Amino acid sequence: MTATRTLPVSSVAGRFVSSIAELSETRFAEPERVGELLATRRRRTIAGGDGRLMIVACDHPARGALGASGNATAMADRAELLGRLVTALSRPGVDGLLATADIAEDLLLLGALEDKVVFSSINRGGLQGSVFELDDRSTGYDVQGTIDARFDGAKMLTRIDLDDPATVVTLETQGKIISELNRARLIALVEPFLSRRVGGTIVNDLSPDAVIKSIAIASGLGASSAYTWMKLPVVAEMERVMAATTLPTLLLGGDPDNDPDETYAAWEAALALPSVRGLVVGRTMLYPADDDVAKAVDTAVSLVR
């Protein structure tokens, strides 16, 4: 997708930059434009649609996780990544974005976040492959930044390792953040896993019982759950897994295995369960095997709607 370096995007009365190539100059000469656009961005309510959400996720780079579709540096070219994101967000049926500030604000400047739901990404300190990966500090957005940006909520990765003392610090910190988000009436989107270190690598336990246990722990975080949602992987026995919570849930798309059709069928079945409200998908759609971003996004949208 070499053309994405200068991919044209919509411009309304000169408010937005006209191409990805102009982002750096605008950031240098007019950094105040970010705040101005956040204050005037056209918003939509989460509940204002059909009760379903299709969210494009792009917060992996902030943890040093740049791989996709077997390419360890697929997401390293920022211009190409932004081009793919603009394409994804422009497709019919796509409701919004989940991202860190650097990516969200580039897309804001490009005009790609108009009329979109936006979730900020909070804890990106657990760098992929680091010895401190499970001590997942809040290095991205904070609650006040999410409020100031006029976004709709914030997402937290909640990896729970019963053998790692760092887990209790993560849980305590996230409990406080979830309380603050609930008080601000913003969605706290919690993504829990039971995790463990195997040969120096963090592995998430995706067995149904482990996912159920992670849901139980994550659901109890914070002083209120009125605005708490779950972000959960699609695993075996999803009907039993989803019976573990009454909280609205978005499904984590993840990367399809060797049989994408089988993966999509599993997503579709899980999306039919009562408390499931939609999908949050990133690298799967942005870097599909056939490199057709629009087609991949449209397939995911067809499953949600």
C-alpha atoms as a PDB file:
ATOM      1  CA  MET A   1       0.000   0.000   0.000  1.00  0.00           C
ATOM      2  CA  THR A   2       2.705   2.499  -0.975  1.00  0.00           C
ATOM      3  CA  ALA A   3       0.089   5.025  -2.055  1.00  0.00           C
ATOM      4  CA  THR A   4      -1.006   5.499   1.550  1.00  0.00           C
ATOM      5  CA  ARG A   5       1.918   7.874   2.214  1.00  0.00           C
ATOM      6  CA  THR A   6      -0.001  10.648   0.451  1.00  0.00           C
ATOM      7  CA  LEU A   7      -3.495   9.233   0.762  1.00  0.00           C
ATOM      8  CA  PRO A   8      -5.987  12.103   0.432  1.00  0.00           C
ATOM      9  CA  VAL A   9      -8.618  12.405   3.127  1.00  0.00           C
ATOM     10  CA  SER A  10     -11.662  14.584   3.644  1.00  0.00           C
ATOM     11  CA  SER A  11     -11.192  18.267   4.409  1.00  0.00           C
ATOM     12  CA  VAL A  12     -13.920  20.576   5.685  1.00  0.00           C
ATOM     13  CA  ALA A  13     -13.226  24.290   5.243  1.00  0.00           C
ATOM     14  CA  GLY A  14      -9.494  23.716   5.755  1.00  0.00           C
ATOM     15  CA  ARG A  15      -9.919  22.291   9.247  1.00  0.00           C
ATOM     16  CA  PHE A  16      -8.074  19.070   8.451  1.00  0.00           C
ATOM     17  CA  VAL A  17      -4.781  18.298   6.762  1.00  0.00           C
ATOM     18  CA  SER A  18      -5.281  17.122   3.205  1.00  0.00           C
ATOM     19  CA  SER A  19      -2.808  14.221   3.273  1.00  0.00           C
ATOM     20  CA  ILE A  20      -0.719  12.070   5.582  1.00  0.00           C
ATOM     21  CA  ALA A  21       2.385  13.761   4.172  1.00  0.00           C
ATOM     22  CA  GLU A  22       1.308  17.051   5.815  1.00  0.00           C
ATOM     23  CA  LEU A  23       1.003  15.700   9.353  1.00  0.00           C
ATOM     24  CA  SER A  24       4.556  16.372  10.489  1.00  0.00           C
ATOM     25  CA  GLU A  25       4.537  19.990   9.273  1.00  0.00           C
ATOM     26  CA  THR A  26       1.181  20.632  10.927  1.00  0.00           C
ATOM     27  CA  ARG A  27       2.361  19.106  14.192  1.00  0.00           C
ATOM     28  CA  PHE A  28       5.470  21.342  14.048  1.00  0.00           C
ATOM     29  CA  ALA A  29       3.819  24.608  13.049  1.00  0.00           C
ATOM     30  CA  GLU A  30       0.314  24.288  14.503  1.00  0.00           C
ATOM     31  CA  PRO A  31       0.246  21.911  17.493  1.00  0.00           C
ATOM     32  CA  GLU A  32      -2.710  23.862  18.853  1.00  0.00           C
ATOM     33  CA  ARG A  33      -4.835  22.487  16.028  1.00  0.00           C
ATOM     34  CA  VAL A  34      -5.138  19.167  17.882  1.00  0.00           C
ATOM     35  CA  GLY A  35      -6.911  20.808  20.809  1.00  0.00           C
ATOM     36  CA  GLU A  36      -9.088  22.890  18.513  1.00  0.00           C
ATOM     37  CA  LEU A  37     -10.230  19.814  16.591  1.00  0.00           C
ATOM     38  CA  LEU A  38     -10.896  17.846  19.778  1.00  0.00           C
ATOM     39  CA  ALA A  39     -13.116  20.679  20.979  1.00  0.00           C
ATOM     40  CA  THR A  40     -15.087  20.885  17.728  1.00  0.00           C
ATOM     41  CA  ARG A  41     -15.117  17.246  16.549  1.00  0.00           C
ATOM     42  CA  ARG A  42     -18.547  15.968  15.568  1.00  0.00           C
ATOM     43  CA  ARG A  43     -19.456  13.231  18.030  1.00  0.00           C
ATOM     44  CA  ARG A  44     -22.047  10.488  18.151  1.00  0.00           C
ATOM     45  CA  THR A  45     -23.354   8.682  21.166  1.00  0.00           C
ATOM     46  CA  ILE A  46     -22.585   5.027  21.780  1.00  0.00           C
ATOM     47  CA  ALA A  47     -26.265   4.279  22.243  1.00  0.00           C
ATOM     48  CA  GLY A  48     -27.281   6.349  19.244  1.00  0.00           C
ATOM     49  CA  GLY A  49     -26.903   3.585  16.686  1.00  0.00           C
ATOM     50  CA  ASP A  50     -28.359   0.111  16.374  1.00  0.00           C
ATOM     51  CA  GLY A  51     -26.956  -1.194  19.640  1.00  0.00           C
ATOM     52  CA  ARG A  52     -23.970  -2.779  17.861  1.00  0.00           C
ATOM     53  CA  LEU A  53     -20.392  -1.509  17.635  1.00  0.00           C
ATOM     54  CA  MET A  54     -17.579  -2.159  15.175  1.00  0.00           C
ATOM     55  CA  ILE A  55     -14.385  -0.644  16.582  1.00  0.00           C
ATOM     56  CA  VAL A  56     -10.977  -0.496  14.883  1.00  0.00           C
ATOM     57  CA  ALA A  57      -8.132  -0.984  17.388  1.00  0.00           C
ATOM     58  CA  CYS A  58      -4.597   0.320  17.048  1.00  0.00           C
ATOM     59  CA  ASP A  59      -2.723   0.527  20.332  1.00  0.00           C
ATOM     60  CA  HIS A  60      -0.251  -2.348  19.897  1.00  0.00           C
ATOM     61  CA  PRO A  61       2.648  -0.180  18.652  1.00  0.00           C
ATOM     62  CA  ALA A  62       2.833   1.668  21.981  1.00  0.00           C
ATOM     63  CA  ARG A  63       3.813  -1.625  23.672  1.00  0.00           C
ATOM     64  CA  GLY A  64       6.496  -2.221  21.042  1.00  0.00           C
ATOM     65  CA  ALA A  65       4.298  -4.842  19.368  1.00  0.00           C
ATOM     66  CA  LEU A  66       4.713  -4.083  15.662  1.00  0.00           C
ATOM     67  CA  GLY A  67       4.044  -7.517  14.179  1.00  0.00           C
ATOM     68  CA  ALA A  68       1.071  -8.553  12.062  1.00  0.00           C
ATOM     69  CA  SER A  69       0.347 -11.438   9.702  1.00  0.00           C
ATOM     70  CA  GLY A  70       3.719 -13.046  10.347  1.00  0.00           C
ATOM     71  CA  ASN A  71       5.702  -9.847   9.651  1.00  0.00           C
ATOM     72  CA  ALA A  72       7.505  -8.690  12.803  1.00  0.00           C
ATOM     73  CA  THR A  73       7.726  -5.067  11.594  1.00  0.00           C
ATOM     74  CA  ALA A  74       4.450  -4.774   9.669  1.00  0.00           C
ATOM     75  CA  MET A  75       3.257  -1.775  11.688  1.00  0.00           C
ATOM     76  CA  ALA A  76       6.590   0.062  11.729  1.00  0.00           C
ATOM     77  CA  ASP A  77       5.804   2.418   8.819  1.00  0.00           C
ATOM     78  CA  ARG A  78       3.530   5.022  10.371  1.00  0.00           C
ATOM     79  CA  ALA A  79       2.352   6.525   7.084  1.00  0.00           C
ATOM     80  CA  GLU A  80       1.310   3.140   5.782  1.00  0.00           C
ATOM     81  CA  LEU A  81      -0.385   2.266   9.068  1.00  0.00           C
ATOM     82  CA  LEU A  82      -2.331   5.537   9.023  1.00  0.00           C
ATOM     83  CA  GLY A  83      -3.401   4.929   5.445  1.00  0.00           C
ATOM     84  CA  ARG A  84      -4.793   1.562   6.397  1.00  0.00           C
ATOM     85  CA  LEU A  85      -6.579   3.072   9.389  1.00  0.00           C
ATOM     86  CA  VAL A  86      -8.141   5.831   7.277  1.00  0.00           C
ATOM     87  CA  THR A  87      -9.412   3.184   4.866  1.00  0.00           C
ATOM     88  CA  ALA A  88     -10.805   1.073   7.715  1.00  0.00           C
ATOM     89  CA  LEU A  89     -12.543   3.991   9.436  1.00  0.00           C
ATOM     90  CA  SER A  90     -14.109   5.154   6.184  1.00  0.00           C
ATOM     91  CA  ARG A  91     -15.911   1.860   5.529  1.00  0.00           C
ATOM     92  CA  PRO A  92     -19.691   1.742   6.082  1.00  0.00           C
ATOM     93  CA  GLY A  93     -20.663   0.271   9.426  1.00  0.00           C
ATOM     94  CA  VAL A  94     -17.424   1.127  11.239  1.00  0.00           C
ATOM     95  CA  ASP A  95     -18.302   2.981  14.438  1.00  0.00           C
ATOM     96  CA  GLY A  96     -14.999   4.115  15.833  1.00  0.00           C
ATOM     97  CA  LEU A  97     -11.452   3.760  17.079  1.00  0.00           C
ATOM     98  CA  LEU A  98      -9.453   2.500  20.056  1.00  0.00           C
ATOM     99  CA  ALA A  99      -5.945   3.970  20.129  1.00  0.00           C
ATOM    100  CA  THR A 100      -3.160   5.799  21.901  1.00  0.00           C
ATOM    101  CA  ALA A 101      -2.850   9.574  21.623  1.00  0.00           C
ATOM    102  CA  ASP A 102      -0.253   9.626  18.849  1.00  0.00           C
ATOM    103  CA  ILE A 103      -2.433   7.592  16.492  1.00  0.00           C
ATOM    104  CA  ALA A 104      -5.757   9.092  17.575  1.00  0.00           C
ATOM    105  CA  GLU A 105      -4.497  12.636  17.071  1.00  0.00           C
ATOM    106  CA  ASP A 106      -3.013  11.890  13.639  1.00  0.00           C
ATOM    107  CA  LEU A 107      -6.396  10.516  12.599  1.00  0.00           C
ATOM    108  CA  LEU A 108      -8.102  13.517  14.192  1.00  0.00           C
ATOM    109  CA  LEU A 109      -5.976  15.869  12.072  1.00  0.00           C
ATOM    110  CA  LEU A 110      -6.857  13.819   8.991  1.00  0.00           C
ATOM    111  CA  GLY A 111     -10.571  14.213   9.684  1.00  0.00           C
ATOM    112  CA  ALA A 112     -11.056  10.475  10.151  1.00  0.00           C
ATOM    113  CA  LEU A 113     -12.667  10.709  13.609  1.00  0.00           C
ATOM    114  CA  GLU A 114     -15.692  12.805  12.713  1.00  0.00           C
ATOM    115  CA  ASP A 115     -18.914  11.152  13.917  1.00  0.00           C
ATOM    116  CA  LYS A 116     -16.933   8.301  15.485  1.00  0.00           C
ATOM    117  CA  VAL A 117     -16.939   6.662  18.903  1.00  0.00           C
ATOM    118  CA  VAL A 118     -13.417   6.852  20.380  1.00  0.00           C
ATOM    119  CA  PHE A 119     -11.851   4.844  23.203  1.00  0.00           C
ATOM    120  CA  SER A 120      -8.502   5.908  24.636  1.00  0.00           C
ATOM    121  CA  SER A 121      -5.862   3.304  25.519  1.00  0.00           C
ATOM    122  CA  ILE A 122      -4.530   3.699  29.039  1.00  0.00           C
ATOM    123  CA  ASN A 123      -1.915   1.141  30.109  1.00  0.00           C
ATOM    124  CA  ARG A 124       0.849   0.511  27.585  1.00  0.00           C
ATOM    125  CA  GLY A 125       3.787   0.160  29.983  1.00  0.00           C
ATOM    126  CA  GLY A 126       3.963  -3.636  29.775  1.00  0.00           C
ATOM    127  CA  LEU A 127       6.298  -3.622  26.792  1.00  0.00           C
ATOM    128  CA  GLN A 128       6.196  -6.780  24.719  1.00  0.00           C
ATOM    129  CA  GLY A 129       9.040  -9.132  25.633  1.00  0.00           C
ATOM    130  CA  SER A 130      10.244  -7.090  28.615  1.00  0.00           C
ATOM    131  CA  VAL A 131      11.001  -8.556  32.051  1.00  0.00           C
ATOM    132  CA  PHE A 132       8.427  -6.095  33.445  1.00  0.00           C
ATOM    133  CA  GLU A 133       5.712  -6.892  30.879  1.00  0.00           C
ATOM    134  CA  LEU A 134       3.101  -7.797  33.498  1.00  0.00           C
ATOM    135  CA  ASP A 135       3.788  -4.658  35.520  1.00  0.00           C
ATOM    136  CA  ASP A 136       1.578  -2.886  33.032  1.00  0.00           C
ATOM    137  CA  ARG A 137       1.860   0.774  33.957  1.00  0.00           C
ATOM    138  CA  SER A 138      -0.519   3.475  32.755  1.00  0.00           C
ATOM    139  CA  THR A 139       1.697   5.251  30.241  1.00  0.00           C
ATOM    140  CA  GLY A 140      -0.960   6.239  27.689  1.00  0.00           C
ATOM    141  CA  TYR A 141      -4.085   8.283  28.273  1.00  0.00           C
ATOM    142  CA  ASP A 142      -5.280   9.018  31.789  1.00  0.00           C
ATOM    143  CA  VAL A 143      -8.879   9.655  32.812  1.00  0.00           C
ATOM    144  CA  GLN A 144      -8.555  13.439  32.670  1.00  0.00           C
ATOM    145  CA  GLY A 145      -6.999  13.232  29.214  1.00  0.00           C
ATOM    146  CA  THR A 146      -9.901  11.083  28.063  1.00  0.00           C
ATOM    147  CA  ILE A 147     -12.370  13.629  29.455  1.00  0.00           C
ATOM    148  CA  ASP A 148     -10.477  16.562  27.906  1.00  0.00           C
ATOM    149  CA  ALA A 149     -10.431  14.814  24.516  1.00  0.00           C
ATOM    150  CA  ARG A 150     -14.213  14.349  24.737  1.00  0.00           C
ATOM    151  CA  PHE A 151     -13.809  10.630  24.063  1.00  0.00           C
ATOM    152  CA  ASP A 152     -16.359   7.986  25.005  1.00  0.00           C
ATOM    153  CA  GLY A 153     -14.326   5.734  27.268  1.00  0.00           C
ATOM    154  CA  ALA A 154     -10.982   4.133  27.993  1.00  0.00           C
ATOM    155  CA  LYS A 155      -9.607   0.631  27.597  1.00  0.00           C
ATOM    156  CA  MET A 156      -7.329  -1.267  29.972  1.00  0.00           C
ATOM    157  CA  LEU A 157      -5.412  -4.480  29.367  1.00  0.00           C
ATOM    158  CA  THR A 158      -5.749  -6.533  32.572  1.00  0.00           C
ATOM    159  CA  ARG A 159      -3.336  -9.465  32.616  1.00  0.00           C
ATOM    160  CA  ILE A 160      -3.504 -11.467  35.833  1.00  0.00           C
ATOM    161  CA  ASP A 161      -0.594 -13.745  36.745  1.00  0.00           C
ATOM    162  CA  LEU A 162      -1.184 -15.468  40.088  1.00  0.00           C
ATOM    163  CA  ASP A 163       2.570 -16.090  40.384  1.00  0.00           C
ATOM    164  CA  ASP A 164       3.640 -12.494  39.721  1.00  0.00           C
ATOM    165  CA  PRO A 165       3.499  -9.912  42.551  1.00  0.00           C
ATOM    166  CA  ALA A 166       3.177  -7.126  39.959  1.00  0.00           C
ATOM    167  CA  THR A 167      -0.382  -8.239  39.267  1.00  0.00           C
ATOM    168  CA  VAL A 168      -1.753  -6.814  42.515  1.00  0.00           C
ATOM    169  CA  VAL A 169      -0.339  -3.368  41.680  1.00  0.00           C
ATOM    170  CA  THR A 170      -1.970  -3.506  38.255  1.00  0.00           C
ATOM    171  CA  LEU A 171      -5.307  -4.491  39.789  1.00  0.00           C
ATOM    172  CA  GLU A 172      -5.150  -1.753  42.419  1.00  0.00           C
ATOM    173  CA  THR A 173      -4.281   0.894  39.829  1.00  0.00           C
ATOM    174  CA  GLN A 174      -6.980  -0.222  37.444  1.00  0.00           C
ATOM    175  CA  GLY A 175      -9.562  -0.338  40.211  1.00  0.00           C
ATOM    176  CA  LYS A 176      -8.917   3.352  40.840  1.00  0.00           C
ATOM    177  CA  ILE A 177      -9.064   4.186  37.119  1.00  0.00           C
ATOM    178  CA  ILE A 178     -12.314   2.261  36.667  1.00  0.00           C
ATOM    179  CA  SER A 179     -13.813   4.152  39.622  1.00  0.00           C
ATOM    180  CA  GLU A 180     -12.791   7.483  38.072  1.00  0.00           C
ATOM    181  CA  LEU A 181     -14.219   6.553  34.676  1.00  0.00           C
ATOM    182  CA  ASN A 182     -17.508   5.479  36.224  1.00  0.00           C
ATOM    183  CA  ARG A 183     -17.740   8.750  38.143  1.00  0.00           C
ATOM    184  CA  ALA A 184     -17.126  10.614  34.879  1.00  0.00           C
ATOM    185  CA  ARG A 185     -19.807   8.474  33.188  1.00  0.00           C
ATOM    186  CA  LEU A 186     -17.313   7.175  30.643  1.00  0.00           C
ATOM    187  CA  ILE A 187     -17.024   3.545  29.551  1.00  0.00           C
ATOM    188  CA  ALA A 188     -14.319   1.537  31.322  1.00  0.00           C
ATOM    189  CA  LEU A 189     -13.475  -1.146  28.740  1.00  0.00           C
ATOM    190  CA  VAL A 190     -11.601  -3.887  30.606  1.00  0.00           C
ATOM    191  CA  GLU A 191      -9.685  -6.600  28.730  1.00  0.00           C
ATOM    192  CA  PRO A 192      -8.834  -9.376  31.236  1.00  0.00           C
ATOM    193  CA  PHE A 193      -6.661 -12.468  30.826  1.00  0.00           C
ATOM    194  CA  LEU A 194      -5.200 -15.058  33.152  1.00  0.00           C
ATOM    195  CA  SER A 195      -1.579 -14.991  32.039  1.00  0.00           C
ATOM    196  CA  ARG A 196       1.680 -16.715  32.881  1.00  0.00           C
ATOM    197  CA  ARG A 197       5.311 -16.575  31.823  1.00  0.00           C
ATOM    198  CA  VAL A 198       6.457 -19.581  29.799  1.00  0.00           C
ATOM    199  CA  GLY A 199      10.117 -19.623  28.831  1.00  0.00           C
ATOM    200  CA  GLY A 200      10.307 -15.859  29.170  1.00  0.00           C
ATOM    201  CA  THR A 201       7.195 -15.218  27.081  1.00  0.00           C
ATOM    202  CA  ILE A 202       3.810 -14.085  28.409  1.00  0.00           C
ATOM    203  CA  VAL A 203       1.092 -16.557  27.432  1.00  0.00           C
ATOM    204  CA  ASN A 204      -2.617 -15.907  27.942  1.00  0.00           C
ATOM    205  CA  ASP A 205      -4.681 -18.878  29.090  1.00  0.00           C
ATOM    206  CA  LEU A 206      -7.593 -19.052  26.660  1.00  0.00           C
ATOM    207  CA  SER A 207      -9.330 -22.039  28.169  1.00  0.00           C
ATOM    208  CA  PRO A 208     -13.002 -21.334  28.996  1.00  0.00           C
ATOM    209  CA  ASP A 209     -12.448 -21.764  32.746  1.00  0.00           C
ATOM    210  CA  ALA A 210      -9.528 -19.321  32.733  1.00  0.00           C
ATOM    211  CA  VAL A 211     -11.476 -16.700  30.787  1.00  0.00           C
ATOM    212  CA  ILE A 212     -14.433 -17.100  33.164  1.00  0.00           C
ATOM    213  CA  LYS A 213     -12.146 -16.594  36.162  1.00  0.00           C
ATOM    214  CA  SER A 214     -10.587 -13.495  34.582  1.00  0.00           C
ATOM    215  CA  ILE A 215     -14.069 -12.065  33.973  1.00  0.00           C
ATOM    216  CA  ALA A 216     -15.025 -12.602  37.618  1.00  0.00           C
ATOM    217  CA  ILE A 217     -11.906 -10.804  38.847  1.00  0.00           C
ATOM    218  CA  ALA A 218     -12.107  -7.913  36.382  1.00  0.00           C
ATOM    219  CA  SER A 219     -15.842  -7.365  36.894  1.00  0.00           C
ATOM    220  CA  GLY A 220     -15.277  -6.595  40.574  1.00  0.00           C
ATOM    221  CA  LEU A 221     -12.711  -3.841  40.020  1.00  0.00           C
ATOM    222  CA  GLY A 222     -13.688  -0.301  40.961  1.00  0.00           C
ATOM    223  CA  ALA A 223     -16.238   1.415  43.179  1.00  0.00           C
ATOM    224  CA  SER A 224     -18.944   1.157  40.511  1.00  0.00           C
ATOM    225  CA  SER A 225     -19.600  -0.994  37.476  1.00  0.00           C
ATOM    226  CA  ALA A 226     -22.371   1.120  35.948  1.00  0.00           C
ATOM    227  CA  TYR A 227     -20.141   2.097  33.015  1.00  0.00           C
ATOM    228  CA  THR A 228     -17.870  -0.968  32.976  1.00  0.00           C
ATOM    229  CA  TRP A 229     -17.721  -3.137  29.853  1.00  0.00           C
ATOM    230  CA  MET A 230     -15.701  -6.235  29.033  1.00  0.00           C
ATOM    231  CA  LYS A 231     -13.426  -6.808  26.014  1.00  0.00           C
ATOM    232  CA  LEU A 232     -13.078 -10.580  25.690  1.00  0.00           C
ATOM    233  CA  PRO A 233     -11.420 -13.098  23.378  1.00  0.00           C
ATOM    234  CA  VAL A 234     -13.471 -15.571  21.370  1.00  0.00           C
ATOM    235  CA  VAL A 235     -12.718 -18.990  22.847  1.00  0.00           C
ATOM    236  CA  ALA A 236     -14.340 -22.400  23.083  1.00  0.00           C
ATOM    237  CA  GLU A 237     -17.684 -22.678  24.903  1.00  0.00           C
ATOM    238  CA  MET A 238     -18.494 -18.989  24.494  1.00  0.00           C
ATOM    239  CA  GLU A 239     -22.060 -19.469  25.687  1.00  0.00           C
ATOM    240  CA  ARG A 240     -20.755 -20.715  29.045  1.00  0.00           C
ATOM    241  CA  VAL A 241     -18.098 -17.987  29.106  1.00  0.00           C
ATOM    242  CA  MET A 242     -20.611 -15.206  28.492  1.00  0.00           C
ATOM    243  CA  ALA A 243     -22.862 -16.606  31.221  1.00  0.00           C
ATOM    244  CA  ALA A 244     -20.200 -15.312  33.642  1.00  0.00           C
ATOM    245  CA  THR A 245     -21.152 -11.655  33.177  1.00  0.00           C
ATOM    246  CA  THR A 246     -24.033  -9.243  32.682  1.00  0.00           C
ATOM    247  CA  LEU A 247     -21.678  -6.468  31.569  1.00  0.00           C
ATOM    248  CA  PRO A 248     -21.883  -5.311  27.941  1.00  0.00           C
ATOM    249  CA  THR A 249     -19.100  -7.020  26.002  1.00  0.00           C
ATOM    250  CA  LEU A 250     -17.087  -6.325  22.879  1.00  0.00           C
ATOM    251  CA  LEU A 251     -15.234  -9.257  21.358  1.00  0.00           C
ATOM    252  CA  LEU A 252     -11.498  -9.154  20.803  1.00  0.00           C
ATOM    253  CA  GLY A 253     -10.919 -10.140  17.198  1.00  0.00           C
ATOM    254  CA  GLY A 254      -7.316 -11.279  17.503  1.00  0.00           C
ATOM    255  CA  ASP A 255      -5.518 -12.840  14.556  1.00  0.00           C
ATOM    256  CA  PRO A 256      -7.286 -15.526  12.509  1.00  0.00           C
ATOM    257  CA  ASP A 257      -5.648 -18.923  12.564  1.00  0.00           C
ATOM    258  CA  ASN A 258      -4.844 -20.972   9.476  1.00  0.00           C
ATOM    259  CA  ASP A 259      -8.551 -21.143   8.639  1.00  0.00           C
ATOM    260  CA  PRO A 260      -9.998 -17.600   8.559  1.00  0.00           C
ATOM    261  CA  ASP A 261     -13.454 -18.884   7.615  1.00  0.00           C
ATOM    262  CA  GLU A 262     -13.532 -20.980  10.785  1.00  0.00           C
ATOM    263  CA  THR A 263     -12.430 -17.980  12.826  1.00  0.00           C
ATOM    264  CA  TYR A 264     -15.087 -15.735  11.313  1.00  0.00           C
ATOM    265  CA  ALA A 265     -17.728 -18.403  11.987  1.00  0.00           C
ATOM    266  CA  ALA A 266     -16.674 -18.449  15.659  1.00  0.00           C
ATOM    267  CA  TRP A 267     -16.940 -14.650  15.815  1.00  0.00           C
ATOM    268  CA  GLU A 268     -20.392 -14.750  14.237  1.00  0.00           C
ATOM    269  CA  ALA A 269     -21.654 -17.347  16.714  1.00  0.00           C
ATOM    270  CA  ALA A 270     -20.295 -15.378  19.674  1.00  0.00           C
ATOM    271  CA  LEU A 271     -21.832 -12.146  18.380  1.00  0.00           C
ATOM    272  CA  ALA A 272     -25.274 -13.761  18.632  1.00  0.00           C
ATOM    273  CA  LEU A 273     -24.982 -14.106  22.428  1.00  0.00           C
ATOM    274  CA  PRO A 274     -27.149 -11.715  24.477  1.00  0.00           C
ATOM    275  CA  SER A 275     -24.615  -9.411  26.159  1.00  0.00           C
ATOM    276  CA  VAL A 276     -22.208  -9.225  23.191  1.00  0.00           C
ATOM    277  CA  ARG A 277     -22.422  -5.822  21.526  1.00  0.00           C
ATOM    278  CA  GLY A 278     -19.793  -5.945  18.816  1.00  0.00           C
ATOM    279  CA  LEU A 279     -16.188  -6.408  17.748  1.00  0.00           C
ATOM    280  CA  VAL A 280     -12.889  -4.672  18.428  1.00  0.00           C
ATOM    281  CA  VAL A 281     -10.478  -5.714  15.684  1.00  0.00           C
ATOM    282  CA  GLY A 282      -7.074  -4.351  14.736  1.00  0.00           C
ATOM    283  CA  ARG A 283      -4.234  -6.120  12.982  1.00  0.00           C
ATOM    284  CA  THR A 284      -6.566  -8.757  11.528  1.00  0.00           C
ATOM    285  CA  MET A 285      -8.301  -6.121   9.418  1.00  0.00           C
ATOM    286  CA  LEU A 286      -5.424  -3.716   8.897  1.00  0.00           C
ATOM    287  CA  TYR A 287      -2.968  -6.321   7.590  1.00  0.00           C
ATOM    288  CA  PRO A 288      -5.043  -9.119   6.025  1.00  0.00           C
ATOM    289  CA  ALA A 289      -3.346 -11.915   4.097  1.00  0.00           C
ATOM    290  CA  ASP A 290      -4.587 -10.572   0.748  1.00  0.00           C
ATOM    291  CA  ASP A 291      -3.714  -6.966   1.726  1.00  0.00           C
ATOM    292  CA  ASP A 292      -7.274  -5.830   0.956  1.00  0.00           C
ATOM    293  CA  VAL A 293      -8.136  -3.715   4.001  1.00  0.00           C
ATOM    294  CA  ALA A 294     -11.555  -2.637   2.751  1.00  0.00           C
ATOM    295  CA  LYS A 295     -12.609  -6.232   2.096  1.00  0.00           C
ATOM    296  CA  ALA A 296     -11.425  -7.390   5.542  1.00  0.00           C
ATOM    297  CA  VAL A 297     -13.258  -4.558   7.276  1.00  0.00           C
ATOM    298  CA  ASP A 298     -16.428  -5.185   5.308  1.00  0.00           C
ATOM    299  CA  THR A 299     -16.317  -8.868   6.298  1.00  0.00           C
ATOM    300  CA  ALA A 300     -16.042  -7.958   9.978  1.00  0.00           C
ATOM    301  CA  VAL A 301     -18.856  -5.415   9.687  1.00  0.00           C
ATOM    302  CA  SER A 302     -21.092  -8.030   8.062  1.00  0.00           C
ATOM    303  CA  LEU A 303     -20.630 -10.236  11.126  1.00  0.00           C
ATOM    304  CA  VAL A 304     -21.516  -7.439  13.539  1.00  0.00           C
ATOM    305  CA  ARG A 305     -24.493  -6.252  11.504  1.00  0.00           C
END
